[in-house]
PDB file of N, CA and C in Angstrom:
ATOM      1  N   MET A   1      38.598  33.450 137.739  1.00  0.00           N
ATOM      2  CA  MET A   1      37.744  34.401 138.413  1.00  0.00           C
ATOM      3  C   MET A   1      37.850  34.160 139.911  1.00  0.00           C
ATOM      4  N   LYS A   2      37.755  35.189 140.655  1.00  0.00           N
ATOM      5  CA  LYS A   2      37.821  35.076 142.098  1.00  0.00           C
ATOM      6  C   LYS A   2      36.392  35.012 142.632  1.00  0.00           C
ATOM      7  N   GLY A   3      36.056  33.876 143.225  1.00  0.00           N
ATOM      8  CA  GLY A   3      34.747  33.709 143.826  1.00  0.00           C
ATOM      9  C   GLY A   3      34.749  34.230 145.253  1.00  0.00           C
ATOM     10  N   LEU A   4      33.689  33.993 145.956  1.00  0.00           N
ATOM     11  CA  LEU A   4      33.592  34.467 147.328  1.00  0.00           C
ATOM     12  C   LEU A   4      34.526  33.689 148.245  1.00  0.00           C
ATOM     13  N   PHE A   5      34.579  32.362 148.086  1.00  0.00           N
ATOM     14  CA  PHE A   5      35.399  31.540 148.965  1.00  0.00           C
ATOM     15  C   PHE A   5      36.576  30.869 148.260  1.00  0.00           C
ATOM     16  N   TYR A   6      36.523  30.744 146.940  1.00  0.00           N
ATOM     17  CA  TYR A   6      37.601  30.075 146.202  1.00  0.00           C
ATOM     18  C   TYR A   6      37.609  30.605 144.777  1.00  0.00           C
ATOM     19  N   GLU A   7      38.665  30.250 144.048  1.00  0.00           N
ATOM     20  CA  GLU A   7      38.776  30.711 142.668  1.00  0.00           C
ATOM     21  C   GLU A   7      37.984  29.794 141.747  1.00  0.00           C
ATOM     22  N   LEU A   8      37.312  30.398 140.775  1.00  0.00           N
ATOM     23  CA  LEU A   8      36.521  29.666 139.793  1.00  0.00           C
ATOM     24  C   LEU A   8      37.210  29.737 138.439  1.00  0.00           C
ATOM     25  N   VAL A   9      36.985  28.731 137.620  1.00  0.00           N
ATOM     26  CA  VAL A   9      37.516  28.749 136.267  1.00  0.00           C
ATOM     27  C   VAL A   9      36.706  29.744 135.446  1.00  0.00           C
ATOM     28  N   CYS A  10      37.389  30.600 134.720  1.00  0.00           N
ATOM     29  CA  CYS A  10      36.732  31.599 133.891  1.00  0.00           C
ATOM     30  C   CYS A  10      35.960  30.892 132.777  1.00  0.00           C
ATOM     31  N   THR A  11      34.680  31.165 132.697  1.00  0.00           N
ATOM     32  CA  THR A  11      33.866  30.514 131.670  1.00  0.00           C
ATOM     33  C   THR A  11      34.022  31.186 130.313  1.00  0.00           C
ATOM     34  N   ASP A  12      34.483  32.432 130.287  1.00  0.00           N
ATOM     35  CA  ASP A  12      34.660  33.128 129.017  1.00  0.00           C
ATOM     36  C   ASP A  12      35.820  32.552 128.211  1.00  0.00           C
ATOM     37  N   CYS A  13      36.953  32.303 128.861  1.00  0.00           N
ATOM     38  CA  CYS A  13      38.132  31.805 128.144  1.00  0.00           C
ATOM     39  C   CYS A  13      38.434  30.344 128.466  1.00  0.00           C
ATOM     40  N   ASN A  14      37.521  29.666 129.143  1.00  0.00           N
ATOM     41  CA  ASN A  14      37.685  28.260 129.539  1.00  0.00           C
ATOM     42  C   ASN A  14      38.923  28.048 130.390  1.00  0.00           C
ATOM     43  N   GLY A  15      39.290  29.037 131.158  1.00  0.00           N
ATOM     44  CA  GLY A  15      40.402  28.917 132.095  1.00  0.00           C
ATOM     45  C   GLY A  15      41.769  29.078 131.478  1.00  0.00           C
ATOM     46  N   SER A  16      41.853  29.392 130.185  1.00  0.00           N
ATOM     47  CA  SER A  16      43.167  29.525 129.550  1.00  0.00           C
ATOM     48  C   SER A  16      43.825  30.852 129.875  1.00  0.00           C
ATOM     49  N   GLY A  17      43.030  31.903 130.057  1.00  0.00           N
ATOM     50  CA  GLY A  17      43.595  33.218 130.318  1.00  0.00           C
ATOM     51  C   GLY A  17      44.049  33.937 129.070  1.00  0.00           C
ATOM     52  N   TRP A  18      43.849  33.348 127.912  1.00  0.00           N
ATOM     53  CA  TRP A  18      44.265  33.934 126.653  1.00  0.00           C
ATOM     54  C   TRP A  18      43.059  34.584 125.977  1.00  0.00           C
ATOM     55  N   VAL A  19      43.168  35.877 125.738  1.00  0.00           N
ATOM     56  CA  VAL A  19      42.130  36.624 125.038  1.00  0.00           C
ATOM     57  C   VAL A  19      42.788  37.472 123.969  1.00  0.00           C
ATOM     58  N   VAL A  20      41.994  38.013 123.057  1.00  0.00           N
ATOM     59  CA  VAL A  20      42.503  38.879 121.996  1.00  0.00           C
ATOM     60  C   VAL A  20      42.910  40.211 122.624  1.00  0.00           C
ATOM     61  N   TRP A  21      44.103  40.710 122.274  1.00  0.00           N
ATOM     62  CA  TRP A  21      44.650  41.934 122.843  1.00  0.00           C
ATOM     63  C   TRP A  21      43.716  43.109 122.582  1.00  0.00           C
ATOM     64  N   GLY A  22      43.430  43.868 123.623  1.00  0.00           N
ATOM     65  CA  GLY A  22      42.641  45.070 123.486  1.00  0.00           C
ATOM     66  C   GLY A  22      41.137  44.857 123.485  1.00  0.00           C
ATOM     67  N   SER A  23      40.699  43.632 123.560  1.00  0.00           N
ATOM     68  CA  SER A  23      39.261  43.361 123.616  1.00  0.00           C
ATOM     69  C   SER A  23      39.040  42.186 124.556  1.00  0.00           C
ATOM     70  N   LYS A  24      37.802  41.850 124.745  1.00  0.00           N
ATOM     71  CA  LYS A  24      37.491  40.717 125.620  1.00  0.00           C
ATOM     72  C   LYS A  24      37.093  39.490 124.806  1.00  0.00           C
ATOM     73  N   LEU A  25      37.514  39.442 123.542  1.00  0.00           N
ATOM     74  CA  LEU A  25      37.206  38.302 122.699  1.00  0.00           C
ATOM     75  C   LEU A  25      38.122  37.136 123.056  1.00  0.00           C
ATOM     76  N   VAL A  26      37.560  35.947 123.030  1.00  0.00           N
ATOM     77  CA  VAL A  26      38.300  34.744 123.398  1.00  0.00           C
ATOM     78  C   VAL A  26      38.964  34.153 122.163  1.00  0.00           C
ATOM     79  N   LEU A  27      40.174  33.631 122.325  1.00  0.00           N
ATOM     80  CA  LEU A  27      40.836  32.947 121.218  1.00  0.00           C
ATOM     81  C   LEU A  27      40.131  31.633 120.929  1.00  0.00           C
ATOM     82  N   SER A  28      40.045  31.303 119.663  1.00  0.00           N
ATOM     83  CA  SER A  28      39.471  30.008 119.299  1.00  0.00           C
ATOM     84  C   SER A  28      40.457  28.911 119.696  1.00  0.00           C
ATOM     85  N   SER A  29      39.969  27.697 119.744  1.00  0.00           N
ATOM     86  CA  SER A  29      40.834  26.574 120.139  1.00  0.00           C
ATOM     87  C   SER A  29      42.009  26.425 119.185  1.00  0.00           C
ATOM     88  N   ASP A  30      41.755  26.598 117.887  1.00  0.00           N
ATOM     89  CA  ASP A  30      42.839  26.474 116.907  1.00  0.00           C
ATOM     90  C   ASP A  30      43.902  27.549 117.122  1.00  0.00           C
ATOM     91  N   GLU A  31      43.465  28.777 117.326  1.00  0.00           N
ATOM     92  CA  GLU A  31      44.405  29.877 117.548  1.00  0.00           C
ATOM     93  C   GLU A  31      45.149  29.710 118.871  1.00  0.00           C
ATOM     94  N   LEU A  32      44.467  29.208 119.882  1.00  0.00           N
ATOM     95  CA  LEU A  32      45.098  28.981 121.186  1.00  0.00           C
ATOM     96  C   LEU A  32      46.205  27.941 121.072  1.00  0.00           C
ATOM     97  N   VAL A  33      45.952  26.865 120.338  1.00  0.00           N
ATOM     98  CA  VAL A  33      46.966  25.818 120.139  1.00  0.00           C
ATOM     99  C   VAL A  33      48.173  26.396 119.403  1.00  0.00           C
ATOM    100  N   THR A  34      47.916  27.226 118.395  1.00  0.00           N
ATOM    101  CA  THR A  34      49.006  27.838 117.634  1.00  0.00           C
ATOM    102  C   THR A  34      49.851  28.749 118.515  1.00  0.00           C
ATOM    103  N   GLN A  35      49.208  29.604 119.300  1.00  0.00           N
ATOM    104  CA  GLN A  35      49.929  30.532 120.160  1.00  0.00           C
ATOM    105  C   GLN A  35      50.731  29.794 121.235  1.00  0.00           C
ATOM    106  N   LEU A  36      50.143  28.756 121.815  1.00  0.00           N
ATOM    107  CA  LEU A  36      50.871  27.982 122.824  1.00  0.00           C
ATOM    108  C   LEU A  36      52.049  27.239 122.206  1.00  0.00           C
ATOM    109  N   SER A  37      51.904  26.799 120.973  1.00  0.00           N
ATOM    110  CA  SER A  37      53.012  26.147 120.273  1.00  0.00           C
ATOM    111  C   SER A  37      54.156  27.140 120.045  1.00  0.00           C
ATOM    112  N   PHE A  38      53.822  28.394 119.659  1.00  0.00           N
ATOM    113  CA  PHE A  38      54.848  29.420 119.491  1.00  0.00           C
ATOM    114  C   PHE A  38      55.587  29.669 120.798  1.00  0.00           C
ATOM    115  N   LYS A  39      54.840  29.748 121.896  1.00  0.00           N
ATOM    116  CA  LYS A  39      55.459  29.987 123.213  1.00  0.00           C
ATOM    117  C   LYS A  39      56.384  28.830 123.589  1.00  0.00           C
ATOM    118  N   LEU A  40      55.934  27.599 123.330  1.00  0.00           N
ATOM    119  CA  LEU A  40      56.745  26.425 123.654  1.00  0.00           C
ATOM    120  C   LEU A  40      58.025  26.409 122.836  1.00  0.00           C
ATOM    121  N   GLN A  41      57.929  26.689 121.542  1.00  0.00           N
ATOM    122  CA  GLN A  41      59.118  26.715 120.691  1.00  0.00           C
ATOM    123  C   GLN A  41      60.102  27.789 121.140  1.00  0.00           C
ATOM    124  N   HIS A  42      59.586  28.951 121.523  1.00  0.00           N
ATOM    125  CA  HIS A  42      60.439  30.035 122.006  1.00  0.00           C
ATOM    126  C   HIS A  42      61.148  29.623 123.301  1.00  0.00           C
ATOM    127  N   ALA A  43      60.416  28.987 124.205  1.00  0.00           N
ATOM    128  CA  ALA A  43      61.016  28.547 125.469  1.00  0.00           C
ATOM    129  C   ALA A  43      62.066  27.469 125.223  1.00  0.00           C
ATOM    130  N   GLN A  44      61.810  26.564 124.291  1.00  0.00           N
ATOM    131  CA  GLN A  44      62.786  25.522 123.980  1.00  0.00           C
ATOM    132  C   GLN A  44      64.049  26.111 123.364  1.00  0.00           C
ATOM    133  N   ARG A  45      63.910  27.143 122.521  1.00  0.00           N
ATOM    134  CA  ARG A  45      65.098  27.807 121.959  1.00  0.00           C
ATOM    135  C   ARG A  45      65.903  28.495 123.045  1.00  0.00           C
ATOM    136  N   GLU A  46      65.218  29.141 123.999  1.00  0.00           N
ATOM    137  CA  GLU A  46      65.929  29.789 125.098  1.00  0.00           C
ATOM    138  C   GLU A  46      66.674  28.774 125.955  1.00  0.00           C
ATOM    139  N   ILE A  47      66.044  27.646 126.229  1.00  0.00           N
ATOM    140  CA  ILE A  47      66.683  26.596 127.035  1.00  0.00           C
ATOM    141  C   ILE A  47      67.904  26.048 126.318  1.00  0.00           C
ATOM    142  N   SER A  48      67.779  25.769 125.028  1.00  0.00           N
ATOM    143  CA  SER A  48      68.929  25.223 124.300  1.00  0.00           C
ATOM    144  C   SER A  48      70.055  26.259 124.192  1.00  0.00           C
ATOM    145  N   ALA A  49      69.706  27.532 124.096  1.00  0.00           N
ATOM    146  CA  ALA A  49      70.746  28.572 124.059  1.00  0.00           C
ATOM    147  C   ALA A  49      71.458  28.671 125.396  1.00  0.00           C
ATOM    148  N   LEU A  50      70.722  28.528 126.485  1.00  0.00           N
ATOM    149  CA  LEU A  50      71.348  28.593 127.802  1.00  0.00           C
ATOM    150  C   LEU A  50      72.203  27.362 128.084  1.00  0.00           C
ATOM    151  N   LYS A  51      71.792  26.220 127.573  1.00  0.00           N
ATOM    152  CA  LYS A  51      72.594  25.004 127.766  1.00  0.00           C
ATOM    153  C   LYS A  51      73.879  25.067 126.958  1.00  0.00           C
ATOM    154  N   GLY A  52      73.827  25.679 125.790  1.00  0.00           N
ATOM    155  CA  GLY A  52      74.989  25.733 124.914  1.00  0.00           C
ATOM    156  C   GLY A  52      75.999  26.787 125.297  1.00  0.00           C
ATOM    157  N   SER A  53      75.554  27.853 125.920  1.00  0.00           N
ATOM    158  CA  SER A  53      76.478  28.935 126.248  1.00  0.00           C
ATOM    159  C   SER A  53      77.097  28.707 127.626  1.00  0.00           C
ATOM    160  N   PRO A  54      78.370  28.999 127.763  1.00  0.00           N
ATOM    161  CA  PRO A  54      78.989  28.865 129.081  1.00  0.00           C
ATOM    162  C   PRO A  54      78.464  29.942 130.025  1.00  0.00           C
ATOM    163  N   LEU A  55      78.079  29.528 131.210  1.00  0.00           N
ATOM    164  CA  LEU A  55      77.553  30.467 132.183  1.00  0.00           C
ATOM    165  C   LEU A  55      78.658  31.212 132.910  1.00  0.00           C
ATOM    166  N   MET A  56      79.828  30.626 132.958  1.00  0.00           N
ATOM    167  CA  MET A  56      80.943  31.246 133.664  1.00  0.00           C
ATOM    168  C   MET A  56      81.923  31.820 132.644  1.00  0.00           C
ATOM    169  N   SER A  57      82.552  32.892 133.008  1.00  0.00           N
ATOM    170  CA  SER A  57      83.560  33.454 132.140  1.00  0.00           C
ATOM    171  C   SER A  57      84.649  34.069 133.004  1.00  0.00           C
ATOM    172  N   GLY A  58      85.775  34.303 132.380  1.00  0.00           N
ATOM    173  CA  GLY A  58      86.864  34.944 133.087  1.00  0.00           C
ATOM    174  C   GLY A  58      87.533  34.039 134.104  1.00  0.00           C
ATOM    175  N   ARG A  59      87.912  34.617 135.228  1.00  0.00           N
ATOM    176  CA  ARG A  59      88.669  33.898 136.248  1.00  0.00           C
ATOM    177  C   ARG A  59      87.881  32.770 136.902  1.00  0.00           C
ATOM    178  N   GLN A  60      86.577  32.936 137.048  1.00  0.00           N
ATOM    179  CA  GLN A  60      85.772  31.906 137.706  1.00  0.00           C
ATOM    180  C   GLN A  60      85.799  30.602 136.913  1.00  0.00           C
ATOM    181  N   SER A  61      85.746  30.675 135.597  1.00  0.00           N
ATOM    182  CA  SER A  61      85.745  29.465 134.786  1.00  0.00           C
ATOM    183  C   SER A  61      87.051  28.693 134.953  1.00  0.00           C
ATOM    184  N   GLN A  62      88.143  29.401 135.246  1.00  0.00           N
ATOM    185  CA  GLN A  62      89.434  28.746 135.453  1.00  0.00           C
ATOM    186  C   GLN A  62      89.392  27.830 136.676  1.00  0.00           C
ATOM    187  N   PHE A  63      88.617  28.203 137.689  1.00  0.00           N
ATOM    188  CA  PHE A  63      88.539  27.411 138.905  1.00  0.00           C
ATOM    189  C   PHE A  63      87.475  26.321 138.813  1.00  0.00           C
ATOM    190  N   GLU A  64      86.460  26.503 137.996  1.00  0.00           N
ATOM    191  CA  GLU A  64      85.353  25.562 137.935  1.00  0.00           C
ATOM    192  C   GLU A  64      85.592  24.407 136.968  1.00  0.00           C
ATOM    193  N   ARG A  65      86.294  24.657 135.888  1.00  0.00           N
ATOM    194  CA  ARG A  65      86.520  23.621 134.880  1.00  0.00           C
ATOM    195  C   ARG A  65      87.882  22.969 135.101  1.00  0.00           C
ATOM    196  N   SER A  66      87.931  21.676 134.840  1.00  0.00           N
ATOM    197  CA  SER A  66      89.189  20.953 134.974  1.00  0.00           C
ATOM    198  C   SER A  66      90.015  21.138 133.710  1.00  0.00           C
ATOM    199  N   ASN A  67      91.251  21.625 133.868  1.00  0.00           N
ATOM    200  CA  ASN A  67      92.116  21.800 132.707  1.00  0.00           C
ATOM    201  C   ASN A  67      93.189  20.712 132.630  1.00  0.00           C
ATOM    202  N   ARG A  68      93.237  19.840 133.614  1.00  0.00           N
ATOM    203  CA  ARG A  68      94.139  18.671 133.683  1.00  0.00           C
ATOM    204  C   ARG A  68      95.603  19.054 133.506  1.00  0.00           C
ATOM    205  N   LEU A  69      96.008  20.238 133.980  1.00  0.00           N
ATOM    206  CA  LEU A  69      97.402  20.657 133.888  1.00  0.00           C
ATOM    207  C   LEU A  69      98.158  20.455 135.197  1.00  0.00           C
ATOM    208  N   GLY A  70      97.487  20.071 136.244  1.00  0.00           N
ATOM    209  CA  GLY A  70      98.120  19.888 137.538  1.00  0.00           C
ATOM    210  C   GLY A  70      98.699  18.488 137.687  1.00  0.00           C
ATOM    211  N   ALA A  71      99.254  18.228 138.884  1.00  0.00           N
ATOM    212  CA  ALA A  71      99.867  16.923 139.166  1.00  0.00           C
ATOM    213  C   ALA A  71      98.814  15.824 139.084  1.00  0.00           C
ATOM    214  N   GLY A  72      99.105  14.782 138.328  1.00  0.00           N
ATOM    215  CA  GLY A  72      98.173  13.658 138.198  1.00  0.00           C
ATOM    216  C   GLY A  72      96.934  13.995 137.395  1.00  0.00           C
ATOM    217  N   GLY A  73      96.979  15.039 136.585  1.00  0.00           N
ATOM    218  CA  GLY A  73      95.835  15.418 135.760  1.00  0.00           C
ATOM    219  C   GLY A  73      94.780  16.203 136.512  1.00  0.00           C
ATOM    220  N   THR A  74      95.142  16.789 137.653  1.00  0.00           N
ATOM    221  CA  THR A  74      94.179  17.596 138.404  1.00  0.00           C
ATOM    222  C   THR A  74      94.100  19.004 137.824  1.00  0.00           C
ATOM    223  N   ASN A  75      93.211  19.805 138.366  1.00  0.00           N
ATOM    224  CA  ASN A  75      93.012  21.168 137.901  1.00  0.00           C
ATOM    225  C   ASN A  75      94.139  22.061 138.432  1.00  0.00           C
ATOM    226  N   TYR A  76      94.801  22.784 137.549  1.00  0.00           N
ATOM    227  CA  TYR A  76      95.842  23.725 137.932  1.00  0.00           C
ATOM    228  C   TYR A  76      95.339  25.129 137.662  1.00  0.00           C
ATOM    229  N   THR A  77      95.347  25.974 138.698  1.00  0.00           N
ATOM    230  CA  THR A  77      94.846  27.345 138.552  1.00  0.00           C
ATOM    231  C   THR A  77      95.958  28.371 138.631  1.00  0.00           C
ATOM    232  N   GLY A  78      97.136  28.002 138.990  1.00  0.00           N
ATOM    233  CA  GLY A  78      98.253  28.917 139.009  1.00  0.00           C
ATOM    234  C   GLY A  78      98.452  29.665 140.309  1.00  0.00           C
ATOM    235  N   ASP A  79      97.712  29.329 141.380  1.00  0.00           N
ATOM    236  CA  ASP A  79      97.935  30.047 142.630  1.00  0.00           C
ATOM    237  C   ASP A  79      98.779  29.282 143.585  1.00  0.00           C
TER     238      ASP A  79
END
């Protein structure tokens, strides 16, 4: 909540900001823990997917990754 001079913690939702969609009902503590767990699991899946997938593709990846085809095992790009 926005007070006159500073922000106050919302007493309705205990500062979580999570309410039931379409109404002003507050989520119970059990439901809040469940929903936050779902969000955390989703974020962890997104992070692991981004770590596993190559961010570079095409010609750029040829310059960024070492292919050890050059002299002394250096990166050879063909230019």
